[in-house]
């Protein structure tokens, strides 16, 4: 899903489900200025259209 202005809604749902702690925010994937950070570090107002949230399964938790 391309986030953009939907970021606050998606973040709220992940928080309700208890998945926000393991969610990662990806911005401009595969580009030189790619950004991958924990979801909690993102300012919702700065999320561009070409961004997404990845929630790794429990199997992939370190």
PDB file of N, CA and C in Angstrom:
ATOM      1  N   UNK A   1       0.846  -1.187   0.000  1.00  0.00           N
ATOM      2  CA  UNK A   1       0.000   0.000   0.000  1.00  0.00           C
ATOM      3  C   UNK A   1       0.882   1.237   0.000  1.00  0.00           C
ATOM      4  N   UNK A   2       0.581   2.151  -0.843  1.00  0.00           N
ATOM      5  CA  UNK A   2       1.287   3.421  -0.832  1.00  0.00           C
ATOM      6  C   UNK A   2       0.645   4.272   0.261  1.00  0.00           C
ATOM      7  N   UNK A   3       1.437   4.714   1.204  1.00  0.00           N
ATOM      8  CA  UNK A   3       0.905   5.374   2.396  1.00  0.00           C
ATOM      9  C   UNK A   3       0.440   6.804   2.173  1.00  0.00           C
ATOM     10  N   UNK A   4       1.404   7.700   1.928  1.00  0.00           N
ATOM     11  CA  UNK A   4       1.047   9.106   1.770  1.00  0.00           C
ATOM     12  C   UNK A   4       0.144   9.590   2.889  1.00  0.00           C
ATOM     13  N   UNK A   5      -0.977  10.143   2.533  1.00  0.00           N
ATOM     14  CA  UNK A   5      -1.883  10.723   3.535  1.00  0.00           C
ATOM     15  C   UNK A   5      -2.612   9.676   4.381  1.00  0.00           C
ATOM     16  N   UNK A   6      -2.504   8.388   4.014  1.00  0.00           N
ATOM     17  CA  UNK A   6      -3.146   7.316   4.792  1.00  0.00           C
ATOM     18  C   UNK A   6      -2.288   6.820   5.950  1.00  0.00           C
ATOM     19  N   UNK A   7      -1.088   7.346   6.071  1.00  0.00           N
ATOM     20  CA  UNK A   7      -0.162   6.894   7.111  1.00  0.00           C
ATOM     21  C   UNK A   7      -0.799   6.876   8.502  1.00  0.00           C
ATOM     22  N   UNK A   8      -1.426   7.973   8.964  1.00  0.00           N
ATOM     23  CA  UNK A   8      -1.989   7.961  10.326  1.00  0.00           C
ATOM     24  C   UNK A   8      -3.022   6.843  10.548  1.00  0.00           C
ATOM     25  N   UNK A   9      -3.846   6.569   9.551  1.00  0.00           N
ATOM     26  CA  UNK A   9      -4.858   5.513   9.685  1.00  0.00           C
ATOM     27  C   UNK A   9      -4.205   4.133   9.792  1.00  0.00           C
ATOM     28  N   UNK A  10      -3.225   3.880   8.937  1.00  0.00           N
ATOM     29  CA  UNK A  10      -2.545   2.583   8.939  1.00  0.00           C
ATOM     30  C   UNK A  10      -1.793   2.385  10.255  1.00  0.00           C
ATOM     31  N   UNK A  11      -1.122   3.431  10.693  1.00  0.00           N
ATOM     32  CA  UNK A  11      -0.369   3.371  11.947  1.00  0.00           C
ATOM     33  C   UNK A  11      -1.308   3.073  13.120  1.00  0.00           C
ATOM     34  N   UNK A  12      -2.467   3.707  13.139  1.00  0.00           N
ATOM     35  CA  UNK A  12      -3.440   3.489  14.220  1.00  0.00           C
ATOM     36  C   UNK A  12      -3.907   2.031  14.252  1.00  0.00           C
ATOM     37  N   UNK A  13      -4.154   1.450  13.103  1.00  0.00           N
ATOM     38  CA  UNK A  13      -4.595   0.055  13.043  1.00  0.00           C
ATOM     39  C   UNK A  13      -3.482  -0.876  13.528  1.00  0.00           C
ATOM     40  N   UNK A  14      -2.256  -0.613  13.101  1.00  0.00           N
ATOM     41  CA  UNK A  14      -1.137  -1.443  13.556  1.00  0.00           C
ATOM     42  C   UNK A  14      -0.960  -1.350  15.067  1.00  0.00           C
ATOM     43  N   UNK A  15      -1.171  -0.167  15.612  1.00  0.00           N
ATOM     44  CA  UNK A  15      -1.071   0.026  17.065  1.00  0.00           C
ATOM     45  C   UNK A  15      -2.158  -0.781  17.770  1.00  0.00           C
ATOM     46  N   UNK A  16      -3.385  -0.717  17.255  1.00  0.00           N
ATOM     47  CA  UNK A  16      -4.500  -1.475  17.843  1.00  0.00           C
ATOM     48  C   UNK A  16      -4.218  -2.976  17.848  1.00  0.00           C
ATOM     49  N   UNK A  17      -3.588  -3.457  16.791  1.00  0.00           N
ATOM     50  CA  UNK A  17      -3.296  -4.889  16.657  1.00  0.00           C
ATOM     51  C   UNK A  17      -2.020  -5.312  17.383  1.00  0.00           C
ATOM     52  N   UNK A  18      -1.295  -4.339  17.925  1.00  0.00           N
ATOM     53  CA  UNK A  18      -0.058  -4.638  18.629  1.00  0.00           C
ATOM     54  C   UNK A  18       1.099  -4.978  17.699  1.00  0.00           C
ATOM     55  N   UNK A  19       1.019  -4.527  16.459  1.00  0.00           N
ATOM     56  CA  UNK A  19       2.053  -4.836  15.472  1.00  0.00           C
ATOM     57  C   UNK A  19       3.000  -3.669  15.211  1.00  0.00           C
ATOM     58  N   UNK A  20       2.723  -2.539  15.793  1.00  0.00           N
ATOM     59  CA  UNK A  20       3.538  -1.344  15.526  1.00  0.00           C
ATOM     60  C   UNK A  20       4.978  -1.504  15.998  1.00  0.00           C
ATOM     61  N   UNK A  21       5.218  -2.302  17.009  1.00  0.00           N
ATOM     62  CA  UNK A  21       6.558  -2.473  17.542  1.00  0.00           C
ATOM     63  C   UNK A  21       7.514  -3.196  16.614  1.00  0.00           C
ATOM     64  N   UNK A  22       6.981  -4.033  15.731  1.00  0.00           N
ATOM     65  CA  UNK A  22       7.865  -4.745  14.809  1.00  0.00           C
ATOM     66  C   UNK A  22       7.757  -4.244  13.364  1.00  0.00           C
ATOM     67  N   UNK A  23       6.938  -3.235  13.149  1.00  0.00           N
ATOM     68  CA  UNK A  23       6.737  -2.685  11.806  1.00  0.00           C
ATOM     69  C   UNK A  23       7.910  -1.809  11.377  1.00  0.00           C
ATOM     70  N   UNK A  24       8.227  -1.892  10.105  1.00  0.00           N
ATOM     71  CA  UNK A  24       9.289  -1.080   9.517  1.00  0.00           C
ATOM     72  C   UNK A  24       8.692  -0.168   8.451  1.00  0.00           C
ATOM     73  N   UNK A  25       9.204   1.022   8.393  1.00  0.00           N
ATOM     74  CA  UNK A  25       8.781   2.009   7.414  1.00  0.00           C
ATOM     75  C   UNK A  25       9.818   2.035   6.295  1.00  0.00           C
ATOM     76  N   UNK A  26       9.355   1.940   5.061  1.00  0.00           N
ATOM     77  CA  UNK A  26      10.251   1.967   3.904  1.00  0.00           C
ATOM     78  C   UNK A  26       9.828   3.111   2.994  1.00  0.00           C
ATOM     79  N   UNK A  27      10.802   3.949   2.678  1.00  0.00           N
ATOM     80  CA  UNK A  27      10.537   5.112   1.826  1.00  0.00           C
ATOM     81  C   UNK A  27      11.500   5.069   0.642  1.00  0.00           C
ATOM     82  N   UNK A  28      10.978   5.261  -0.542  1.00  0.00           N
ATOM     83  CA  UNK A  28      11.773   5.286  -1.775  1.00  0.00           C
ATOM     84  C   UNK A  28      12.639   4.023  -1.938  1.00  0.00           C
ATOM     85  N   UNK A  29      12.025   2.867  -1.772  1.00  0.00           N
ATOM     86  CA  UNK A  29      12.735   1.585  -1.857  1.00  0.00           C
ATOM     87  C   UNK A  29      13.488   1.446  -3.170  1.00  0.00           C
ATOM     88  N   UNK A  30      14.659   0.909  -3.083  1.00  0.00           N
ATOM     89  CA  UNK A  30      15.587   0.633  -4.191  1.00  0.00           C
ATOM     90  C   UNK A  30      16.211   1.879  -4.810  1.00  0.00           C
ATOM     91  N   UNK A  31      15.898   3.041  -4.313  1.00  0.00           N
ATOM     92  CA  UNK A  31      16.501   4.274  -4.835  1.00  0.00           C
ATOM     93  C   UNK A  31      17.719   4.648  -3.989  1.00  0.00           C
ATOM     94  N   UNK A  32      18.533   5.530  -4.491  1.00  0.00           N
ATOM     95  CA  UNK A  32      19.748   5.945  -3.778  1.00  0.00           C
ATOM     96  C   UNK A  32      19.432   6.556  -2.415  1.00  0.00           C
ATOM     97  N   UNK A  33      18.303   7.225  -2.299  1.00  0.00           N
ATOM     98  CA  UNK A  33      17.929   7.868  -1.039  1.00  0.00           C
ATOM     99  C   UNK A  33      16.908   7.038  -0.248  1.00  0.00           C
ATOM    100  N   UNK A  34      16.972   5.712  -0.390  1.00  0.00           N
ATOM    101  CA  UNK A  34      16.089   4.805   0.342  1.00  0.00           C
ATOM    102  C   UNK A  34      16.225   5.011   1.844  1.00  0.00           C
ATOM    103  N   UNK A  35      15.122   4.838   2.533  1.00  0.00           N
ATOM    104  CA  UNK A  35      15.100   4.990   3.993  1.00  0.00           C
ATOM    105  C   UNK A  35      14.301   3.821   4.573  1.00  0.00           C
ATOM    106  N   UNK A  36      14.909   3.081   5.521  1.00  0.00           N
ATOM    107  CA  UNK A  36      14.224   1.993   6.211  1.00  0.00           C
ATOM    108  C   UNK A  36      14.469   2.196   7.704  1.00  0.00           C
ATOM    109  N   UNK A  37      13.391   2.459   8.454  1.00  0.00           N
ATOM    110  CA  UNK A  37      13.501   2.736   9.885  1.00  0.00           C
ATOM    111  C   UNK A  37      12.324   2.104  10.615  1.00  0.00           C
ATOM    112  N   UNK A  38      12.455   1.921  11.937  1.00  0.00           N
ATOM    113  CA  UNK A  38      11.301   1.462  12.711  1.00  0.00           C
ATOM    114  C   UNK A  38      10.149   2.464  12.565  1.00  0.00           C
ATOM    115  N   UNK A  39       8.961   1.965  12.544  1.00  0.00           N
ATOM    116  CA  UNK A  39       7.778   2.807  12.332  1.00  0.00           C
ATOM    117  C   UNK A  39       7.675   3.941  13.351  1.00  0.00           C
ATOM    118  N   UNK A  40       8.067   3.673  14.574  1.00  0.00           N
ATOM    119  CA  UNK A  40       7.956   4.680  15.637  1.00  0.00           C
ATOM    120  C   UNK A  40       8.820   5.919  15.386  1.00  0.00           C
ATOM    121  N   UNK A  41       9.805   5.811  14.507  1.00  0.00           N
ATOM    122  CA  UNK A  41      10.711   6.934  14.237  1.00  0.00           C
ATOM    123  C   UNK A  41      10.229   7.862  13.128  1.00  0.00           C
ATOM    124  N   UNK A  42       9.054   7.614  12.595  1.00  0.00           N
ATOM    125  CA  UNK A  42       8.573   8.355  11.427  1.00  0.00           C
ATOM    126  C   UNK A  42       7.574   9.425  11.824  1.00  0.00           C
ATOM    127  N   UNK A  43       7.746  10.602  11.259  1.00  0.00           N
ATOM    128  CA  UNK A  43       6.778  11.685  11.417  1.00  0.00           C
ATOM    129  C   UNK A  43       5.696  11.469  10.358  1.00  0.00           C
ATOM    130  N   UNK A  44       4.455  11.194  10.767  1.00  0.00           N
ATOM    131  CA  UNK A  44       3.384  10.912   9.805  1.00  0.00           C
ATOM    132  C   UNK A  44       3.198  12.009   8.760  1.00  0.00           C
ATOM    133  N   UNK A  45       3.465  13.236   9.117  1.00  0.00           N
ATOM    134  CA  UNK A  45       3.281  14.347   8.188  1.00  0.00           C
ATOM    135  C   UNK A  45       4.317  14.348   7.074  1.00  0.00           C
ATOM    136  N   UNK A  46       5.422  13.632   7.271  1.00  0.00           N
ATOM    137  CA  UNK A  46       6.490  13.654   6.271  1.00  0.00           C
ATOM    138  C   UNK A  46       6.472  12.429   5.355  1.00  0.00           C
ATOM    139  N   UNK A  47       5.491  11.577   5.471  1.00  0.00           N
ATOM    140  CA  UNK A  47       5.441  10.354   4.688  1.00  0.00           C
ATOM    141  C   UNK A  47       5.003  10.640   3.249  1.00  0.00           C
ATOM    142  N   UNK A  48       5.895  10.407   2.269  1.00  0.00           N
ATOM    143  CA  UNK A  48       5.520  10.648   0.882  1.00  0.00           C
ATOM    144  C   UNK A  48       4.637   9.527   0.332  1.00  0.00           C
ATOM    145  N   UNK A  49       4.098   9.758  -0.829  1.00  0.00           N
ATOM    146  CA  UNK A  49       3.229   8.791  -1.491  1.00  0.00           C
ATOM    147  C   UNK A  49       3.945   7.459  -1.695  1.00  0.00           C
ATOM    148  N   UNK A  50       5.200   7.497  -2.106  1.00  0.00           N
ATOM    149  CA  UNK A  50       5.952   6.272  -2.357  1.00  0.00           C
ATOM    150  C   UNK A  50       6.637   5.771  -1.097  1.00  0.00           C
ATOM    151  N   UNK A  51       5.847   5.371  -0.140  1.00  0.00           N
ATOM    152  CA  UNK A  51       6.355   4.787   1.095  1.00  0.00           C
ATOM    153  C   UNK A  51       5.429   3.637   1.475  1.00  0.00           C
ATOM    154  N   UNK A  52       5.943   2.740   2.288  1.00  0.00           N
ATOM    155  CA  UNK A  52       5.133   1.605   2.712  1.00  0.00           C
ATOM    156  C   UNK A  52       5.579   1.128   4.082  1.00  0.00           C
ATOM    157  N   UNK A  53       4.760   0.263   4.664  1.00  0.00           N
ATOM    158  CA  UNK A  53       5.068  -0.321   5.966  1.00  0.00           C
ATOM    159  C   UNK A  53       5.151  -1.831   5.778  1.00  0.00           C
ATOM    160  N   UNK A  54       6.214  -2.401   6.322  1.00  0.00           N
ATOM    161  CA  UNK A  54       6.410  -3.845   6.275  1.00  0.00           C
ATOM    162  C   UNK A  54       6.341  -4.360   7.709  1.00  0.00           C
ATOM    163  N   UNK A  55       5.549  -5.403   7.908  1.00  0.00           N
ATOM    164  CA  UNK A  55       5.440  -6.016   9.233  1.00  0.00           C
ATOM    165  C   UNK A  55       5.961  -7.437   9.134  1.00  0.00           C
ATOM    166  N   UNK A  56       7.229  -7.642   9.507  1.00  0.00           N
ATOM    167  CA  UNK A  56       7.780  -8.996   9.437  1.00  0.00           C
ATOM    168  C   UNK A  56       7.029  -9.952  10.373  1.00  0.00           C
ATOM    169  N   UNK A  57       6.914 -11.195   9.939  1.00  0.00           N
ATOM    170  CA  UNK A  57       6.289 -12.212  10.774  1.00  0.00           C
ATOM    171  C   UNK A  57       7.176 -12.531  11.973  1.00  0.00           C
ATOM    172  N   UNK A  58       6.620 -13.186  12.953  1.00  0.00           N
ATOM    173  CA  UNK A  58       7.370 -13.502  14.171  1.00  0.00           C
ATOM    174  C   UNK A  58       8.585 -14.364  13.869  1.00  0.00           C
ATOM    175  N   UNK A  59       8.516 -15.174  12.853  1.00  0.00           N
ATOM    176  CA  UNK A  59       9.642 -16.029  12.484  1.00  0.00           C
ATOM    177  C   UNK A  59      10.887 -15.202  12.161  1.00  0.00           C
ATOM    178  N   UNK A  60      10.715 -14.002  11.654  1.00  0.00           N
ATOM    179  CA  UNK A  60      11.824 -13.164  11.219  1.00  0.00           C
ATOM    180  C   UNK A  60      12.293 -12.181  12.263  1.00  0.00           C
ATOM    181  N   UNK A  61      11.767 -12.281  13.466  1.00  0.00           N
ATOM    182  CA  UNK A  61      12.188 -11.379  14.546  1.00  0.00           C
ATOM    183  C   UNK A  61      13.505 -11.871  15.109  1.00  0.00           C
ATOM    184  N   UNK A  62      14.439 -10.911  15.325  1.00  0.00           N
ATOM    185  CA  UNK A  62      15.770 -11.270  15.816  1.00  0.00           C
ATOM    186  C   UNK A  62      15.764 -11.462  17.251  1.00  0.00           C
TER     187      UNK A  62
END
